N, C-alpha and C. Protein backbone atom coordinates (compact mmCIF):
# COMPACT_ATOMS: atom_id res chain seq x y z
N UNK A 1 9.75 -79.26 200.23
CA UNK A 1 8.10 -79.21 200.87
C UNK A 1 7.16 -79.70 199.55
N UNK A 2 7.42 -79.32 198.50
CA UNK A 2 6.54 -78.92 197.44
C UNK A 2 6.02 -80.13 197.00
N UNK A 3 6.92 -81.67 197.39
CA UNK A 3 7.18 -82.81 197.17
C UNK A 3 6.16 -83.53 198.16
N UNK A 4 6.12 -82.98 199.44
CA UNK A 4 6.06 -83.24 200.25
C UNK A 4 3.66 -83.08 200.51
N UNK A 5 3.89 -82.04 199.97
CA UNK A 5 2.16 -80.65 199.80
C UNK A 5 1.90 -82.67 198.97
N UNK A 6 2.57 -81.96 197.75
CA UNK A 6 1.94 -83.00 196.91
C UNK A 6 1.58 -84.61 197.19
N UNK A 7 2.89 -84.91 197.81
CA UNK A 7 2.14 -86.73 198.21
C UNK A 7 0.64 -86.57 199.41
N UNK A 8 1.08 -85.64 199.68
CA UNK A 8 -0.16 -85.27 200.85
C UNK A 8 -1.76 -85.54 199.72
N UNK A 9 -1.17 -84.29 199.03
CA UNK A 9 -2.75 -84.56 198.46
C UNK A 9 -2.85 -85.66 197.38
N UNK A 10 -2.05 -86.37 196.77
CA UNK A 10 -2.33 -87.80 196.23
C UNK A 10 -3.30 -88.43 197.69
N UNK A 11 -2.67 -89.04 198.17
CA UNK A 11 -3.30 -89.39 199.60
C UNK A 11 -4.50 -89.18 199.74
N UNK A 12 -4.91 -87.61 200.33
CA UNK A 12 -6.19 -87.48 200.57
C UNK A 12 -7.04 -87.71 198.95
N UNK A 13 -6.52 -87.65 197.79
CA UNK A 13 -7.45 -87.95 196.47
C UNK A 13 -7.46 -89.87 196.70
N UNK A 14 -6.66 -90.24 197.16
CA UNK A 14 -6.54 -91.97 196.91
C UNK A 14 -7.96 -92.09 197.92
N UNK A 15 -7.56 -91.52 199.31
CA UNK A 15 -8.22 -92.25 199.95
C UNK A 15 -9.63 -91.91 200.22
N UNK A 16 -9.77 -90.96 199.61
CA UNK A 16 -11.28 -90.46 199.35
C UNK A 16 -12.02 -90.21 198.17
N UNK A 17 -10.90 -91.53 197.31
CA UNK A 17 -11.69 -91.30 195.71
C UNK A 17 -13.51 -91.72 195.99
N UNK A 18 -14.13 -91.06 194.62
CA UNK A 18 -15.54 -91.06 194.54
C UNK A 18 -16.12 -92.59 194.70
N UNK A 19 -15.07 -93.57 194.28
CA UNK A 19 -16.07 -94.89 194.16
C UNK A 19 -16.52 -95.38 195.38
N UNK A 20 -15.75 -94.98 196.62
CA UNK A 20 -15.51 -95.50 197.73
C UNK A 20 -16.87 -94.30 198.76
N UNK A 21 -17.18 -93.39 197.80
CA UNK A 21 -18.58 -93.08 198.95
C UNK A 21 -19.43 -93.26 198.88
N UNK A 22 -19.63 -94.21 198.52
CA UNK A 22 -21.40 -94.67 198.69
C UNK A 22 -21.32 -95.72 200.17
N UNK A 23 -20.00 -96.10 199.97
CA UNK A 23 -19.83 -97.17 201.22
C UNK A 23 -19.61 -96.33 202.57
N UNK A 24 -18.69 -95.60 202.28
CA UNK A 24 -18.43 -94.44 203.40
C UNK A 24 -19.99 -94.16 204.35
N UNK A 25 -20.84 -93.60 203.25
CA UNK A 25 -22.29 -93.46 204.19
C UNK A 25 -23.27 -94.28 204.33
N UNK A 26 -22.75 -95.42 203.80
CA UNK A 26 -24.11 -96.58 204.40
C UNK A 26 -23.07 -97.08 205.61
N UNK A 27 -21.89 -97.11 205.87
CA UNK A 27 -20.92 -97.80 207.11
C UNK A 27 -21.60 -96.93 208.34
N UNK A 28 -21.48 -95.02 208.12
CA UNK A 28 -22.09 -94.12 209.09
C UNK A 28 -23.70 -94.72 209.32
N UNK A 29 -24.28 -94.60 208.41
CA UNK A 29 -25.71 -95.25 208.52
C UNK A 29 -25.70 -96.27 209.31
N UNK A 30 -25.35 -97.52 209.44
CA UNK A 30 -24.96 -98.71 209.92
C UNK A 30 -24.44 -98.38 211.55
N UNK A 31 -23.41 -97.75 211.17
CA UNK A 31 -22.90 -97.60 212.50
C UNK A 31 -23.64 -96.63 213.61
N UNK A 32 -24.09 -95.90 213.07
CA UNK A 32 -25.51 -95.04 213.80
C UNK A 32 -26.65 -95.58 214.24
N UNK A 33 -26.97 -97.03 213.57
CA UNK A 33 -28.19 -97.49 213.94
C UNK A 33 -28.09 -98.40 215.12
N UNK A 34 -26.69 -99.42 215.16
CA UNK A 34 -26.17 -100.47 215.77
C UNK A 34 -25.69 -99.54 217.18
N UNK A 35 -25.46 -97.94 217.36
CA UNK A 35 -25.06 -97.79 217.99
C UNK A 35 -26.31 -97.44 219.24
N UNK A 36 -27.79 -97.03 218.05
CA UNK A 36 -28.69 -97.00 219.41
C UNK A 36 -29.19 -98.02 219.70
N UNK A 37 -28.73 -99.25 218.83
CA UNK A 37 -29.59 -100.46 219.65
C UNK A 37 -28.77 -101.06 220.49
N UNK A 38 -27.59 -101.14 220.41
CA UNK A 38 -26.68 -101.39 221.17
C UNK A 38 -24.94 -101.24 221.98
N UNK A 39 -25.51 -99.93 221.84
CA UNK A 39 -24.27 -99.31 221.85
C UNK A 39 -22.69 -99.48 221.58
N UNK A 40 -21.79 -98.03 221.75
CA UNK A 40 -20.46 -98.27 220.57
C UNK A 40 -19.97 -99.17 220.65
N UNK A 41 -20.10 -99.96 222.24
CA UNK A 41 -19.02 -101.13 222.34
C UNK A 41 -18.39 -102.36 221.64
N UNK A 42 -20.50 -102.71 221.62
CA UNK A 42 -21.10 -104.00 220.84
C UNK A 42 -20.56 -103.64 219.54
N UNK A 43 -21.44 -102.22 218.85
CA UNK A 43 -21.20 -102.21 217.49
C UNK A 43 -20.09 -102.27 216.55
N UNK A 44 -18.65 -102.01 217.59
CA UNK A 44 -17.49 -102.28 217.20
C UNK A 44 -17.28 -103.41 216.64
N UNK A 45 -17.60 -104.21 218.27
CA UNK A 45 -17.06 -105.84 217.43
C UNK A 45 -18.12 -106.83 217.23
N UNK A 46 -19.15 -105.95 217.08
CA UNK A 46 -20.23 -107.13 216.57
C UNK A 46 -20.19 -107.49 214.39
N UNK A 47 -20.42 -109.09 214.69
CA UNK A 47 -20.45 -109.32 213.26
C UNK A 47 -21.73 -109.21 212.57
N UNK A 48 -22.70 -109.19 213.34
CA UNK A 48 -23.87 -108.41 212.60
C UNK A 48 -23.76 -107.23 211.88
N UNK A 49 -23.00 -105.95 212.71
CA UNK A 49 -22.95 -104.62 212.01
C UNK A 49 -21.39 -104.70 210.55
N UNK A 50 -21.07 -105.94 210.47
CA UNK A 50 -20.37 -106.38 209.02
C UNK A 50 -20.70 -107.10 208.14
N UNK A 51 -21.97 -108.01 208.91
CA UNK A 51 -22.04 -108.96 207.65
C UNK A 51 -23.64 -107.49 206.61
N UNK A 52 -24.52 -107.00 207.83
CA UNK A 52 -24.87 -106.13 207.06
C UNK A 52 -24.29 -104.85 205.89
N UNK A 53 -23.23 -104.72 206.18
CA UNK A 53 -23.16 -103.56 205.30
C UNK A 53 -21.90 -104.36 203.84
N UNK A 54 -22.26 -105.43 204.63
CA UNK A 54 -20.69 -107.19 203.09
C UNK A 54 -21.18 -106.70 202.00
N UNK A 55 -22.81 -106.13 201.92
CA UNK A 55 -23.18 -106.67 200.64
C UNK A 55 -23.39 -105.18 199.63
N UNK A 56 -22.87 -104.30 200.97
CA UNK A 56 -22.81 -102.94 199.83
C UNK A 56 -21.26 -102.63 199.66
N UNK A 57 -20.57 -103.25 200.06
CA UNK A 57 -18.96 -102.85 199.86
C UNK A 57 -18.93 -103.88 198.86
N UNK A 58 -19.64 -105.08 198.57
CA UNK A 58 -19.34 -105.54 197.36
C UNK A 58 -19.77 -105.06 195.83
N UNK A 59 -21.35 -104.35 196.35
CA UNK A 59 -21.79 -104.03 195.25
C UNK A 59 -21.13 -102.46 194.92
N UNK A 60 -21.07 -101.67 195.18
CA UNK A 60 -21.25 -100.55 195.56
C UNK A 60 -19.60 -99.94 195.65
N UNK A 61 -18.34 -100.84 196.02
CA UNK A 61 -16.89 -100.84 196.16
C UNK A 61 -16.72 -101.71 195.10
N UNK A 62 -16.17 -103.06 195.30
CA UNK A 62 -15.15 -103.70 194.99
C UNK A 62 -15.60 -104.00 193.44
N UNK A 63 -16.78 -104.19 192.86
CA UNK A 63 -17.47 -104.51 191.65
C UNK A 63 -16.42 -103.11 191.06
N UNK A 64 -17.22 -101.68 191.30
CA UNK A 64 -16.77 -100.57 190.45
C UNK A 64 -14.90 -100.87 190.80
N UNK A 65 -14.49 -100.87 191.59
CA UNK A 65 -13.00 -100.80 191.60
C UNK A 65 -12.55 -101.99 191.24
N UNK A 66 -13.49 -103.25 190.71
CA UNK A 66 -12.19 -104.33 189.85
C UNK A 66 -12.60 -104.06 188.31
N UNK A 67 -13.28 -103.37 188.15
CA UNK A 67 -13.98 -102.74 186.39
C UNK A 67 -12.95 -101.54 186.13
N UNK A 68 -12.68 -100.78 187.15
CA UNK A 68 -11.87 -99.56 186.81
C UNK A 68 -10.53 -100.34 186.48
N UNK A 69 -9.73 -101.04 187.63
CA UNK A 69 -8.48 -101.56 187.78
C UNK A 69 -8.23 -101.95 186.39
N UNK A 70 -9.12 -102.89 185.62
CA UNK A 70 -9.24 -104.15 184.15
C UNK A 70 -9.17 -102.77 183.37
N UNK A 71 -9.95 -102.01 183.51
CA UNK A 71 -10.16 -101.03 182.21
C UNK A 71 -9.02 -100.40 182.25
N UNK A 72 -8.56 -99.85 182.94
CA UNK A 72 -7.09 -99.51 183.77
C UNK A 72 -6.13 -99.72 182.72
N UNK A 73 -6.01 -101.13 183.15
CA UNK A 73 -5.09 -102.01 183.30
C UNK A 73 -4.75 -102.16 180.85
N UNK A 74 -6.27 -102.48 180.64
CA UNK A 74 -6.15 -103.03 179.54
C UNK A 74 -6.87 -102.16 178.83
N UNK A 75 -6.96 -100.98 178.93
CA UNK A 75 -7.91 -99.98 177.75
C UNK A 75 -6.92 -98.63 178.08
N UNK A 76 -6.69 -98.16 179.10
CA UNK A 76 -6.07 -96.76 178.89
C UNK A 76 -4.96 -96.86 178.32
N UNK A 77 -4.04 -96.12 178.16
CA UNK A 77 -3.00 -96.15 177.93
C UNK A 77 -2.55 -94.63 178.27
N UNK A 78 -0.53 -94.54 178.83
CA UNK A 78 -0.05 -93.80 179.12
C UNK A 78 -0.69 -92.38 178.45
N UNK A 79 -0.89 -91.41 179.00
CA UNK A 79 -1.14 -89.50 178.71
C UNK A 79 -2.85 -89.69 177.69
N UNK A 80 -3.13 -91.08 178.04
CA UNK A 80 -4.88 -90.46 178.17
C UNK A 80 -5.84 -90.54 179.30
N UNK A 81 -4.87 -90.59 180.21
CA UNK A 81 -5.81 -90.52 181.83
C UNK A 81 -6.88 -89.68 181.90
N UNK A 82 -7.01 -88.58 181.15
CA UNK A 82 -7.43 -87.54 181.29
C UNK A 82 -8.63 -87.35 180.25
N UNK A 83 -8.57 -88.37 179.53
CA UNK A 83 -9.53 -88.52 178.26
C UNK A 83 -11.03 -88.77 178.48
N UNK A 84 -11.79 -87.99 178.43
CA UNK A 84 -13.40 -88.00 178.74
C UNK A 84 -13.75 -89.04 178.36
N UNK A 85 -13.44 -89.72 177.22
CA UNK A 85 -13.94 -90.69 177.14
C UNK A 85 -13.81 -92.08 177.72
N UNK A 86 -12.46 -92.20 179.00
CA UNK A 86 -12.40 -92.95 179.84
C UNK A 86 -13.08 -92.84 180.93
N UNK A 87 -13.33 -91.09 181.44
CA UNK A 87 -14.30 -90.83 182.02
C UNK A 87 -15.87 -91.65 182.11
N UNK A 88 -16.10 -91.17 180.78
CA UNK A 88 -16.79 -91.80 180.32
C UNK A 88 -17.42 -92.97 180.68
N UNK A 89 -16.48 -94.35 180.17
CA UNK A 89 -17.30 -95.50 180.30
C UNK A 89 -17.08 -95.91 181.88
N UNK A 90 -16.06 -96.01 182.76
CA UNK A 90 -15.69 -95.98 183.74
C UNK A 90 -17.00 -94.93 184.27
N UNK A 91 -17.72 -94.14 184.44
CA UNK A 91 -18.99 -93.32 184.80
C UNK A 91 -20.05 -94.37 184.32
N UNK A 92 -20.56 -94.67 183.35
CA UNK A 92 -21.41 -95.86 182.91
C UNK A 92 -21.64 -96.76 183.29
N UNK A 93 -20.40 -97.29 183.61
CA UNK A 93 -20.14 -98.96 184.17
C UNK A 93 -20.58 -99.33 185.40
N UNK A 94 -20.22 -97.81 186.24
CA UNK A 94 -20.43 -97.78 187.79
C UNK A 94 -21.58 -97.43 188.00
N UNK A 95 -22.58 -96.70 186.87
CA UNK A 95 -23.74 -95.84 186.97
C UNK A 95 -24.66 -97.53 186.87
N UNK A 96 -24.32 -98.33 185.63
CA UNK A 96 -25.25 -99.60 185.51
C UNK A 96 -25.10 -100.49 186.91
N UNK A 97 -23.88 -100.47 187.69
CA UNK A 97 -23.82 -101.47 188.58
C UNK A 97 -24.83 -100.48 189.94
N UNK A 98 -24.78 -99.46 190.00
CA UNK A 98 -25.98 -99.34 191.09
C UNK A 98 -27.54 -99.28 190.36
N UNK A 99 -27.38 -98.97 189.35
CA UNK A 99 -28.64 -98.93 189.44
C UNK A 99 -29.24 -100.87 189.62
N UNK A 100 -28.68 -101.30 188.99
CA UNK A 100 -28.70 -103.04 189.15
C UNK A 100 -28.65 -103.41 190.87
N UNK A 101 -28.19 -102.87 191.39
CA UNK A 101 -28.01 -103.10 192.98
C UNK A 101 -28.94 -102.45 193.39
N UNK A 102 -29.70 -101.50 193.12
CA UNK A 102 -30.79 -100.85 194.00
C UNK A 102 -32.31 -101.75 193.94
N UNK A 103 -32.38 -102.77 193.14
CA UNK A 103 -33.12 -103.77 193.20
C UNK A 103 -32.42 -105.02 194.09
N UNK A 104 -31.26 -105.68 194.56
CA UNK A 104 -30.50 -106.67 194.81
C UNK A 104 -31.66 -106.65 196.73
N UNK A 105 -32.11 -107.19 196.67
CA UNK A 105 -32.91 -107.58 197.85
C UNK A 105 -31.85 -107.95 198.98
N UNK A 106 -30.99 -108.39 198.94
CA UNK A 106 -29.75 -108.70 200.24
C UNK A 106 -29.62 -107.52 201.12
N UNK A 107 -30.35 -106.13 200.43
CA UNK A 107 -29.78 -104.85 200.96
C UNK A 107 -30.82 -104.24 201.43
N UNK A 108 -30.55 -103.85 202.75
CA UNK A 108 -31.29 -103.01 202.95
C UNK A 108 -32.20 -102.43 203.18
N UNK A 109 -33.81 -102.33 203.16
CA UNK A 109 -34.44 -101.15 202.45
C UNK A 109 -33.79 -100.20 203.21
N UNK A 110 -33.14 -99.53 204.29
CA UNK A 110 -33.17 -98.13 204.66
C UNK A 110 -32.05 -97.77 204.24
N UNK A 111 -30.92 -98.50 203.49
CA UNK A 111 -30.14 -97.63 202.97
C UNK A 111 -30.68 -97.47 201.40
N UNK A 112 -32.00 -97.61 200.96
CA UNK A 112 -32.51 -97.57 199.39
C UNK A 112 -32.25 -95.91 199.42
N UNK A 113 -33.07 -95.30 200.25
CA UNK A 113 -32.94 -93.91 199.51
C UNK A 113 -31.75 -93.24 199.24
N UNK A 114 -30.78 -93.22 200.40
CA UNK A 114 -29.51 -93.27 199.79
C UNK A 114 -28.75 -93.42 199.03
N UNK A 115 -28.81 -94.69 198.50
CA UNK A 115 -28.47 -95.53 197.35
C UNK A 115 -28.82 -94.92 196.37
N UNK A 116 -30.16 -94.48 196.13
CA UNK A 116 -31.18 -93.94 194.94
C UNK A 116 -30.16 -92.44 195.09
N UNK A 117 -30.18 -91.74 196.13
CA UNK A 117 -29.47 -90.32 195.99
C UNK A 117 -27.92 -90.64 195.30
N UNK A 118 -26.70 -91.48 195.50
CA UNK A 118 -26.12 -92.09 194.78
C UNK A 118 -26.15 -92.26 193.65
N UNK A 119 -27.38 -93.01 193.27
CA UNK A 119 -27.41 -93.46 192.02
C UNK A 119 -27.56 -91.69 190.75
N UNK A 120 -28.59 -91.20 191.51
CA UNK A 120 -28.95 -90.09 190.77
C UNK A 120 -28.17 -89.18 190.25
N UNK A 121 -26.95 -88.60 191.28
CA UNK A 121 -25.82 -88.18 191.50
C UNK A 121 -24.96 -88.35 190.31
N UNK A 122 -24.68 -89.93 190.04
CA UNK A 122 -23.65 -90.44 189.45
C UNK A 122 -24.28 -90.16 187.76
N UNK A 123 -25.69 -90.32 187.45
CA UNK A 123 -26.68 -89.99 186.24
C UNK A 123 -25.49 -88.85 186.11
N UNK A 124 -26.01 -87.56 186.88
CA UNK A 124 -25.95 -86.27 186.37
C UNK A 124 -24.87 -85.99 186.20
N UNK A 125 -23.60 -86.31 187.08
CA UNK A 125 -22.37 -86.81 186.56
C UNK A 125 -21.71 -86.96 185.16
N UNK A 126 -22.33 -88.50 184.82
CA UNK A 126 -22.27 -88.99 183.50
C UNK A 126 -22.76 -87.66 182.51
N UNK A 127 -23.76 -87.26 182.77
CA UNK A 127 -24.31 -86.46 181.84
C UNK A 127 -23.76 -84.74 182.00
N UNK A 128 -23.11 -84.41 182.70
CA UNK A 128 -22.02 -83.34 182.20
C UNK A 128 -20.47 -83.75 181.84
N UNK A 129 -20.49 -84.57 181.97
CA UNK A 129 -19.14 -85.30 181.47
C UNK A 129 -18.90 -85.33 180.16
N UNK A 130 -20.12 -85.13 179.57
CA UNK A 130 -20.01 -85.15 178.12
C UNK A 130 -19.42 -84.00 178.32
N UNK A 131 -19.67 -83.05 178.25
CA UNK A 131 -19.27 -81.69 177.78
C UNK A 131 -18.50 -80.72 178.78
N UNK A 132 -18.39 -81.41 179.68
CA UNK A 132 -17.11 -80.76 180.87
C UNK A 132 -16.77 -81.66 182.18
N UNK A 133 -15.56 -80.96 182.08
CA UNK A 133 -14.46 -82.14 182.89
C UNK A 133 -14.92 -81.66 184.91
N UNK A 134 -16.23 -82.04 185.22
CA UNK A 134 -16.62 -81.72 186.35
C UNK A 134 -15.99 -82.37 187.25
N UNK A 135 -15.39 -81.93 188.91
CA UNK A 135 -14.55 -82.50 189.49
C UNK A 135 -15.50 -84.27 190.35
N UNK A 136 -15.56 -85.53 189.57
CA UNK A 136 -16.12 -85.87 190.86
C UNK A 136 -15.60 -86.67 192.26
N UNK A 137 -14.23 -85.91 192.45
CA UNK A 137 -14.35 -86.06 193.95
C UNK A 137 -14.91 -85.55 194.94
N UNK A 138 -15.28 -84.58 194.65
CA UNK A 138 -15.74 -83.30 195.14
C UNK A 138 -17.52 -83.46 194.71
N UNK A 139 -17.87 -84.44 193.76
CA UNK A 139 -19.55 -84.88 193.68
C UNK A 139 -19.45 -85.62 194.56
N UNK A 140 -18.66 -86.28 195.18
CA UNK A 140 -18.74 -87.27 195.91
C UNK A 140 -18.88 -87.18 197.38
N UNK A 141 -17.69 -85.66 197.96
CA UNK A 141 -18.33 -85.54 198.89
C UNK A 141 -19.43 -84.55 199.64
N UNK A 142 -19.27 -83.68 198.14
CA UNK A 142 -20.96 -82.45 198.20
C UNK A 142 -22.27 -83.80 198.63
N UNK A 143 -22.00 -84.56 197.84
CA UNK A 143 -23.32 -85.82 198.38
C UNK A 143 -23.13 -86.42 199.78
N UNK A 144 -22.08 -86.83 199.78
CA UNK A 144 -21.69 -87.21 201.57
C UNK A 144 -22.05 -86.15 202.55
N UNK A 145 -21.81 -84.94 202.60
CA UNK A 145 -22.20 -83.64 203.22
C UNK A 145 -24.16 -83.91 203.30
N UNK A 146 -24.67 -83.69 201.85
CA UNK A 146 -26.27 -83.24 201.68
C UNK A 146 -26.81 -84.65 202.94
N UNK A 147 -26.33 -85.54 202.51
CA UNK A 147 -27.22 -87.08 203.21
C UNK A 147 -26.52 -86.49 204.60
N UNK A 148 -25.28 -86.59 205.56
CA UNK A 148 -25.36 -86.25 206.74
C UNK A 148 -26.21 -84.94 207.48
N UNK A 149 -26.34 -83.58 206.26
CA UNK A 149 -26.97 -82.94 206.64
C UNK A 149 -28.66 -83.60 206.29
N UNK A 150 -29.17 -84.26 205.25
CA UNK A 150 -30.65 -84.84 205.79
C UNK A 150 -30.48 -85.66 206.90
N UNK A 151 -29.51 -86.66 207.59
CA UNK A 151 -29.62 -87.14 208.39
C UNK A 151 -29.44 -86.66 209.63
N UNK A 152 -29.01 -85.35 209.82
CA UNK A 152 -29.56 -84.59 210.74
C UNK A 152 -30.68 -83.72 210.92
N UNK A 153 -30.95 -83.46 209.77
CA UNK A 153 -32.77 -82.79 209.77
C UNK A 153 -33.56 -83.14 210.03
N UNK A 154 -33.80 -85.05 209.18
CA UNK A 154 -35.30 -85.28 208.95
C UNK A 154 -34.78 -86.44 210.21
N UNK A 155 -33.65 -87.32 210.96
CA UNK A 155 -33.76 -88.51 210.52
C UNK A 155 -34.09 -88.27 212.32
N UNK A 156 -34.07 -89.69 213.10
CA UNK A 156 -34.15 -89.49 214.06
C UNK A 156 -32.54 -90.24 214.19
N UNK A 157 -31.83 -90.32 213.99
CA UNK A 157 -30.30 -90.50 214.72
C UNK A 157 -29.85 -89.40 216.25
N UNK A 158 -29.07 -90.07 216.78
CA UNK A 158 -28.16 -89.36 217.97
C UNK A 158 -27.65 -88.28 217.58
N UNK A 159 -27.90 -87.20 217.58
CA UNK A 159 -27.23 -85.88 216.90
C UNK A 159 -26.17 -86.01 217.92
N UNK A 160 -25.49 -85.62 219.25
CA UNK A 160 -24.37 -86.48 219.94
C UNK A 160 -23.68 -86.43 218.60
N UNK A 161 -23.54 -87.61 218.13
CA UNK A 161 -22.21 -88.42 217.22
C UNK A 161 -22.89 -87.58 216.45
N UNK A 162 -23.59 -87.36 215.42
CA UNK A 162 -24.12 -86.50 214.06
C UNK A 162 -23.30 -85.76 213.67
N UNK A 163 -23.53 -84.62 214.84
CA UNK A 163 -22.42 -83.25 214.50
C UNK A 163 -21.16 -83.59 214.61
N UNK A 164 -20.74 -84.34 215.09
CA UNK A 164 -18.84 -84.39 214.84
C UNK A 164 -18.97 -84.86 213.56
N UNK A 165 -19.47 -86.32 213.09
CA UNK A 165 -19.59 -86.87 211.77
C UNK A 165 -19.43 -86.02 210.53
N UNK A 166 -20.70 -84.68 210.87
CA UNK A 166 -20.40 -83.89 209.65
C UNK A 166 -19.57 -82.83 209.72
N UNK A 167 -19.18 -82.54 210.82
CA UNK A 167 -17.64 -81.48 210.80
C UNK A 167 -16.71 -82.14 210.57
N UNK A 168 -16.34 -83.21 211.04
CA UNK A 168 -15.23 -83.89 210.53
C UNK A 168 -15.79 -84.15 208.64
N UNK A 169 -16.44 -84.68 208.27
CA UNK A 169 -16.74 -84.55 206.59
C UNK A 169 -16.53 -83.01 205.95
N UNK A 170 -17.11 -82.00 206.94
CA UNK A 170 -16.71 -80.41 206.18
C UNK A 170 -15.49 -80.53 206.02
N UNK A 171 -14.66 -80.03 207.00
CA UNK A 171 -12.97 -80.55 207.04
C UNK A 171 -13.03 -81.45 205.98
N UNK A 172 -12.59 -82.53 205.88
CA UNK A 172 -12.81 -83.78 204.79
C UNK A 172 -12.78 -82.78 203.50
N UNK A 173 -13.99 -82.92 203.35
CA UNK A 173 -14.61 -82.06 201.92
C UNK A 173 -13.18 -80.98 201.60
N UNK A 174 -13.02 -80.26 202.51
CA UNK A 174 -12.52 -78.91 202.04
C UNK A 174 -10.89 -79.31 201.70
N UNK A 175 -10.43 -80.20 202.24
CA UNK A 175 -8.99 -80.86 202.33
C UNK A 175 -9.26 -81.72 200.75
N UNK A 176 -9.77 -82.64 200.28
CA UNK A 176 -10.17 -83.33 199.18
C UNK A 176 -10.39 -81.75 198.16
N UNK A 177 -11.23 -81.09 198.39
CA UNK A 177 -11.11 -79.82 197.44
C UNK A 177 -9.72 -78.84 197.37
N UNK A 178 -9.39 -78.77 198.60
CA UNK A 178 -8.01 -78.49 197.90
C UNK A 178 -6.50 -78.54 197.16
N UNK A 179 -6.43 -80.58 197.72
CA UNK A 179 -6.08 -81.47 197.02
C UNK A 179 -6.15 -81.67 195.79
N UNK A 180 -7.29 -81.43 195.05
CA UNK A 180 -7.29 -81.73 193.47
C UNK A 180 -7.09 -80.24 192.90
N UNK A 181 -7.32 -78.77 193.45
CA UNK A 181 -6.79 -77.99 193.03
C UNK A 181 -5.09 -77.83 193.26
N UNK A 182 -4.82 -78.45 193.98
CA UNK A 182 -3.44 -78.09 194.58
C UNK A 182 -2.37 -78.92 192.92
N UNK A 183 -2.93 -80.13 192.96
CA UNK A 183 -2.82 -81.05 191.53
C UNK A 183 -3.15 -80.71 190.37
N UNK A 184 -3.29 -79.58 191.01
CA UNK A 184 -4.12 -78.95 188.94
C UNK A 184 -5.35 -79.90 188.71
N UNK A 185 -5.69 -80.62 188.94
CA UNK A 185 -6.61 -82.01 188.16
C UNK A 185 -8.19 -80.78 187.58
N UNK A 186 -8.25 -80.05 188.46
CA UNK A 186 -9.33 -79.12 188.14
C UNK A 186 -9.74 -77.33 188.26
N UNK A 187 -10.70 -76.52 187.53
CA UNK A 187 -10.43 -75.47 188.28
C UNK A 187 -11.41 -75.14 189.35
N UNK A 188 -11.29 -74.14 189.79
CA UNK A 188 -11.65 -73.79 190.86
C UNK A 188 -13.74 -74.17 190.52
N UNK A 189 -13.87 -73.46 189.38
CA UNK A 189 -15.15 -73.79 189.18
C UNK A 189 -15.52 -75.25 188.73
N UNK A 190 -14.94 -76.37 188.60
CA UNK A 190 -15.49 -77.58 188.24
C UNK A 190 -15.37 -77.88 189.35
N UNK A 191 -14.29 -77.76 190.78
CA UNK A 191 -14.40 -78.09 191.76
C UNK A 191 -15.82 -77.95 192.72
N UNK A 192 -16.12 -76.47 192.76
CA UNK A 192 -17.35 -75.66 193.28
C UNK A 192 -18.45 -76.28 193.02
N UNK A 193 -18.90 -76.50 191.34
CA UNK A 193 -19.56 -77.02 190.79
C UNK A 193 -20.11 -79.05 191.30
N UNK A 194 -18.71 -79.36 191.48
CA UNK A 194 -18.91 -81.19 192.06
C UNK A 194 -19.78 -80.47 193.01
N UNK A 195 -19.18 -79.73 194.12
CA UNK A 195 -20.03 -79.64 195.65
C UNK A 195 -21.21 -79.46 195.84
N UNK A 196 -21.62 -78.64 194.74
CA UNK A 196 -23.39 -78.15 194.77
C UNK A 196 -23.98 -79.49 193.74
N UNK A 197 -23.29 -80.04 192.92
CA UNK A 197 -23.92 -81.24 192.13
C UNK A 197 -24.48 -82.84 193.21
N UNK A 198 -23.08 -83.01 193.95
CA UNK A 198 -23.03 -83.21 194.99
C UNK A 198 -23.92 -83.64 195.96
N UNK A 199 -24.20 -82.25 196.63
CA UNK A 199 -25.07 -81.91 197.77
C UNK A 199 -26.49 -81.93 197.26
N UNK A 200 -26.70 -81.50 196.29
CA UNK A 200 -28.12 -81.01 195.54
C UNK A 200 -28.94 -82.46 194.76
N UNK A 201 -27.97 -82.90 194.46
CA UNK A 201 -27.79 -84.17 193.74
C UNK A 201 -28.59 -84.96 194.84
N UNK A 202 -27.74 -85.65 195.74
CA UNK A 202 -28.32 -86.60 196.76
C UNK A 202 -29.70 -86.04 197.31
N UNK A 203 -30.34 -85.43 197.57
CA UNK A 203 -31.21 -84.82 198.81
C UNK A 203 -32.12 -84.96 197.15
N UNK A 204 -31.94 -84.55 195.56
CA UNK A 204 -32.85 -84.43 194.66
C UNK A 204 -33.05 -86.21 194.57
N UNK A 205 -32.05 -87.30 194.58
CA UNK A 205 -32.20 -88.80 194.59
C UNK A 205 -32.85 -89.03 195.45
N UNK A 206 -32.82 -88.83 197.26
CA UNK A 206 -33.50 -89.23 198.03
C UNK A 206 -35.39 -89.01 198.03
N UNK A 207 -35.25 -87.79 196.99
CA UNK A 207 -36.55 -87.12 196.54
C UNK A 207 -37.86 -87.87 196.21
N UNK A 208 -36.68 -88.49 194.54
CA UNK A 208 -37.03 -89.33 193.64
C UNK A 208 -37.60 -90.52 194.35
N UNK A 209 -36.89 -91.14 195.44
CA UNK A 209 -37.29 -92.28 195.46
C UNK A 209 -38.47 -92.08 197.09
N UNK A 210 -38.54 -91.26 197.35
CA UNK A 210 -39.60 -90.64 198.35
C UNK A 210 -41.30 -90.97 197.33
N UNK A 211 -40.81 -90.33 196.34
CA UNK A 211 -41.97 -90.65 195.55
C UNK A 211 -42.38 -92.10 195.08
N UNK A 212 -41.53 -92.50 194.67
CA UNK A 212 -41.44 -93.30 194.22
C UNK A 212 -42.25 -95.20 195.16
N UNK A 213 -41.56 -94.22 196.69
CA UNK A 213 -42.07 -95.78 197.19
C UNK A 213 -43.67 -95.63 197.61
């Protein structure tokens, strides 16, 4: 039973890795927009839907993932995977990618507030990692919850769709935190701090974007 639980915890950790959180959020935004315009069935089969999310997948997921893979292959050594120096290198590259991507004109301006929030959260996570091993997984899930909360409170999205999405995200966020605790990757304090930083940081980043616009 213990092996099954450990395998399940690893699967949850991989599927909801923080590298992919920005893309998940933007995909939900995109889906919500298209549902309001053309309906669910046409949205699912729409090539336009896929094309609009393509640059975000490339810049906010594939590029960081490629760098992390190369870095792990050539620079990480067995037994050093938890070293803060490695985490800082990876976070610094992802932060640089996010900052540069904000100026990419192929990305719709509608996504910029959320992506600004993601960038701000990665900056805060990088700063904290200098002295403490905060949970990046729960930072990602906290940020996603913070953004979905903002979508429901301040935006004109279909509430009947967003409430189930929010509730599912709450459940997944709980599973992710529990998985990281079960694997011994973090202490409870690091898990809870991650949720708080992600949730508040996303809102803070979006607020900064509002001031700059």
